[in-house]
Amino acid sequence: MVHTYEVLVDIKEFIDGANNTFQSETTRYEIDAESRQKADGMARIQARGDHPKGTEYDVRVTRLLR
């Protein structure tokens, strides 16, 4: 059975390697998946596609929506 999960992904993108300057943001996704583990993986793939320059992705499945 497929459920809809709310997933938050913290994304860190380094802007300047010489100064260790980075930008951090949190993106919210609604992912349709069969389990929390699959929702986690799908959100990570989506975040990497949306933010290809990201260096760190912290994924949290926060709640079941449907």
N, C-alpha and C. Protein backbone atom coordinates (compact mmCIF):
# COMPACT_ATOMS: atom_id res chain seq x y z
N MET A 1 0.84 -1.18 0.00
CA MET A 1 0.00 0.00 0.00
C MET A 1 0.89 1.25 0.00
N VAL A 2 0.56 2.19 -0.84
CA VAL A 2 1.34 3.43 -0.97
C VAL A 2 0.74 4.49 -0.05
N HIS A 3 1.62 5.16 0.69
CA HIS A 3 1.23 6.26 1.57
C HIS A 3 1.97 7.52 1.14
N THR A 4 1.50 8.66 1.60
CA THR A 4 2.17 9.93 1.35
C THR A 4 2.85 10.37 2.64
N TYR A 5 4.16 10.61 2.54
CA TYR A 5 4.96 11.02 3.70
C TYR A 5 5.45 12.45 3.51
N GLU A 6 5.52 13.17 4.61
CA GLU A 6 6.17 14.48 4.60
C GLU A 6 7.64 14.23 4.93
N VAL A 7 8.51 14.77 4.08
CA VAL A 7 9.95 14.57 4.27
C VAL A 7 10.63 15.93 4.22
N LEU A 8 11.47 16.21 5.21
CA LEU A 8 12.27 17.43 5.22
C LEU A 8 13.72 17.06 4.93
N VAL A 9 14.36 17.85 4.06
CA VAL A 9 15.74 17.60 3.71
C VAL A 9 16.54 18.88 3.97
N ASP A 10 17.52 18.78 4.87
CA ASP A 10 18.46 19.88 5.11
C ASP A 10 19.58 19.74 4.08
N ILE A 11 19.84 20.82 3.34
CA ILE A 11 20.82 20.79 2.27
C ILE A 11 21.89 21.83 2.54
N LYS A 12 23.15 21.40 2.45
CA LYS A 12 24.27 22.31 2.62
C LYS A 12 25.03 22.38 1.31
N GLU A 13 25.22 23.61 0.80
CA GLU A 13 25.98 23.84 -0.43
C GLU A 13 27.15 24.76 -0.10
N PHE A 14 28.37 24.29 -0.39
CA PHE A 14 29.53 25.14 -0.19
C PHE A 14 29.65 26.12 -1.33
N ILE A 15 29.78 27.41 -1.00
CA ILE A 15 29.86 28.48 -2.00
C ILE A 15 31.31 28.76 -2.35
N ASP A 16 32.15 28.84 -1.32
CA ASP A 16 33.56 29.19 -1.53
C ASP A 16 34.42 28.23 -0.71
N GLY A 17 35.13 27.37 -1.38
CA GLY A 17 35.97 26.38 -0.70
C GLY A 17 37.12 27.00 0.06
N ALA A 18 37.63 28.13 -0.40
CA ALA A 18 38.78 28.76 0.26
C ALA A 18 38.40 29.31 1.63
N ASN A 19 37.17 29.78 1.77
CA ASN A 19 36.74 30.40 3.03
C ASN A 19 35.79 29.51 3.83
N ASN A 20 35.51 28.31 3.32
CA ASN A 20 34.53 27.42 3.95
C ASN A 20 33.17 28.08 4.12
N THR A 21 32.78 28.90 3.16
CA THR A 21 31.49 29.56 3.17
C THR A 21 30.45 28.61 2.57
N PHE A 22 29.33 28.48 3.27
CA PHE A 22 28.30 27.60 2.76
C PHE A 22 26.92 28.21 2.94
N GLN A 23 25.99 27.66 2.19
CA GLN A 23 24.58 28.06 2.27
C GLN A 23 23.81 26.84 2.74
N SER A 24 22.89 27.04 3.66
CA SER A 24 22.10 25.93 4.19
C SER A 24 20.62 26.26 4.06
N GLU A 25 19.83 25.25 3.68
CA GLU A 25 18.39 25.44 3.59
C GLU A 25 17.68 24.12 3.85
N THR A 26 16.41 24.21 4.15
CA THR A 26 15.58 23.03 4.35
C THR A 26 14.48 23.03 3.29
N THR A 27 14.30 21.90 2.63
CA THR A 27 13.28 21.75 1.60
C THR A 27 12.29 20.69 2.04
N ARG A 28 11.01 20.94 1.80
CA ARG A 28 9.95 20.02 2.19
C ARG A 28 9.43 19.30 0.96
N TYR A 29 9.26 17.99 1.07
CA TYR A 29 8.71 17.19 -0.01
C TYR A 29 7.55 16.35 0.51
N GLU A 30 6.60 16.07 -0.37
CA GLU A 30 5.56 15.09 -0.10
C GLU A 30 5.84 13.93 -1.04
N ILE A 31 6.19 12.79 -0.47
CA ILE A 31 6.64 11.63 -1.24
C ILE A 31 5.64 10.49 -1.09
N ASP A 32 5.21 9.94 -2.21
CA ASP A 32 4.36 8.74 -2.22
C ASP A 32 5.27 7.52 -2.27
N ALA A 33 5.18 6.68 -1.25
CA ALA A 33 6.04 5.50 -1.18
C ALA A 33 5.37 4.42 -0.35
N GLU A 34 5.92 3.21 -0.45
CA GLU A 34 5.38 2.06 0.27
C GLU A 34 5.87 1.98 1.71
N SER A 35 6.99 2.66 2.01
CA SER A 35 7.53 2.61 3.37
C SER A 35 8.32 3.89 3.66
N ARG A 36 8.63 4.08 4.94
CA ARG A 36 9.43 5.25 5.35
C ARG A 36 10.82 5.20 4.72
N GLN A 37 11.40 4.00 4.64
CA GLN A 37 12.74 3.86 4.08
C GLN A 37 12.75 4.24 2.60
N LYS A 38 11.73 3.83 1.86
CA LYS A 38 11.66 4.19 0.45
C LYS A 38 11.41 5.68 0.28
N ALA A 39 10.60 6.28 1.15
CA ALA A 39 10.36 7.72 1.10
C ALA A 39 11.66 8.48 1.36
N ASP A 40 12.46 8.00 2.29
CA ASP A 40 13.76 8.59 2.60
C ASP A 40 14.65 8.61 1.36
N GLY A 41 14.77 7.46 0.71
CA GLY A 41 15.61 7.36 -0.48
C GLY A 41 15.11 8.20 -1.64
N MET A 42 13.81 8.21 -1.84
CA MET A 42 13.23 8.99 -2.94
C MET A 42 13.42 10.49 -2.71
N ALA A 43 13.29 10.94 -1.46
CA ALA A 43 13.49 12.36 -1.14
C ALA A 43 14.95 12.75 -1.35
N ARG A 44 15.88 11.86 -1.00
CA ARG A 44 17.31 12.14 -1.20
C ARG A 44 17.60 12.30 -2.70
N ILE A 45 17.04 11.43 -3.52
CA ILE A 45 17.24 11.52 -4.98
C ILE A 45 16.65 12.82 -5.51
N GLN A 46 15.45 13.17 -5.04
CA GLN A 46 14.80 14.41 -5.49
C GLN A 46 15.62 15.63 -5.07
N ALA A 47 16.12 15.64 -3.84
CA ALA A 47 16.91 16.78 -3.36
C ALA A 47 18.21 16.92 -4.15
N ARG A 48 18.85 15.80 -4.47
CA ARG A 48 20.08 15.86 -5.28
C ARG A 48 19.79 16.40 -6.67
N GLY A 49 18.64 16.06 -7.23
CA GLY A 49 18.25 16.60 -8.53
C GLY A 49 17.94 18.09 -8.48
N ASP A 50 17.27 18.51 -7.40
CA ASP A 50 16.92 19.93 -7.25
C ASP A 50 18.10 20.79 -6.86
N HIS A 51 19.07 20.21 -6.14
CA HIS A 51 20.24 20.95 -5.64
C HIS A 51 21.51 20.16 -5.96
N PRO A 52 21.91 20.13 -7.24
CA PRO A 52 23.05 19.30 -7.63
C PRO A 52 24.39 19.73 -7.04
N LYS A 53 24.51 20.97 -6.57
CA LYS A 53 25.76 21.44 -5.98
C LYS A 53 25.83 21.17 -4.48
N GLY A 54 24.81 20.53 -3.94
CA GLY A 54 24.79 20.21 -2.51
C GLY A 54 25.88 19.24 -2.14
N THR A 55 26.41 19.40 -0.94
CA THR A 55 27.47 18.50 -0.46
C THR A 55 26.98 17.63 0.68
N GLU A 56 25.94 18.06 1.39
CA GLU A 56 25.38 17.27 2.49
C GLU A 56 23.85 17.31 2.39
N TYR A 57 23.23 16.15 2.57
CA TYR A 57 21.77 16.03 2.54
C TYR A 57 21.35 15.26 3.79
N ASP A 58 20.64 15.92 4.68
CA ASP A 58 20.14 15.29 5.90
C ASP A 58 18.63 15.10 5.74
N VAL A 59 18.20 13.85 5.57
CA VAL A 59 16.80 13.54 5.26
C VAL A 59 16.07 13.10 6.52
N ARG A 60 14.87 13.67 6.74
CA ARG A 60 14.04 13.29 7.89
C ARG A 60 12.61 13.07 7.41
N VAL A 61 12.12 11.86 7.56
CA VAL A 61 10.71 11.59 7.30
C VAL A 61 9.98 12.01 8.58
N THR A 62 9.15 13.03 8.49
CA THR A 62 8.58 13.62 9.69
C THR A 62 7.19 13.08 10.05
N ARG A 63 6.36 12.80 9.04
CA ARG A 63 5.02 12.29 9.38
C ARG A 63 4.35 11.66 8.18
N LEU A 64 3.37 10.86 8.49
CA LEU A 64 2.53 10.21 7.50
C LEU A 64 1.34 11.13 7.22
N LEU A 65 1.18 11.53 5.95
CA LEU A 65 0.09 12.44 5.60
C LEU A 65 -1.17 11.69 5.18
N ARG A 66 -1.03 10.63 4.37
CA ARG A 66 -2.16 9.85 3.89
C ARG A 66 -1.77 8.41 3.76
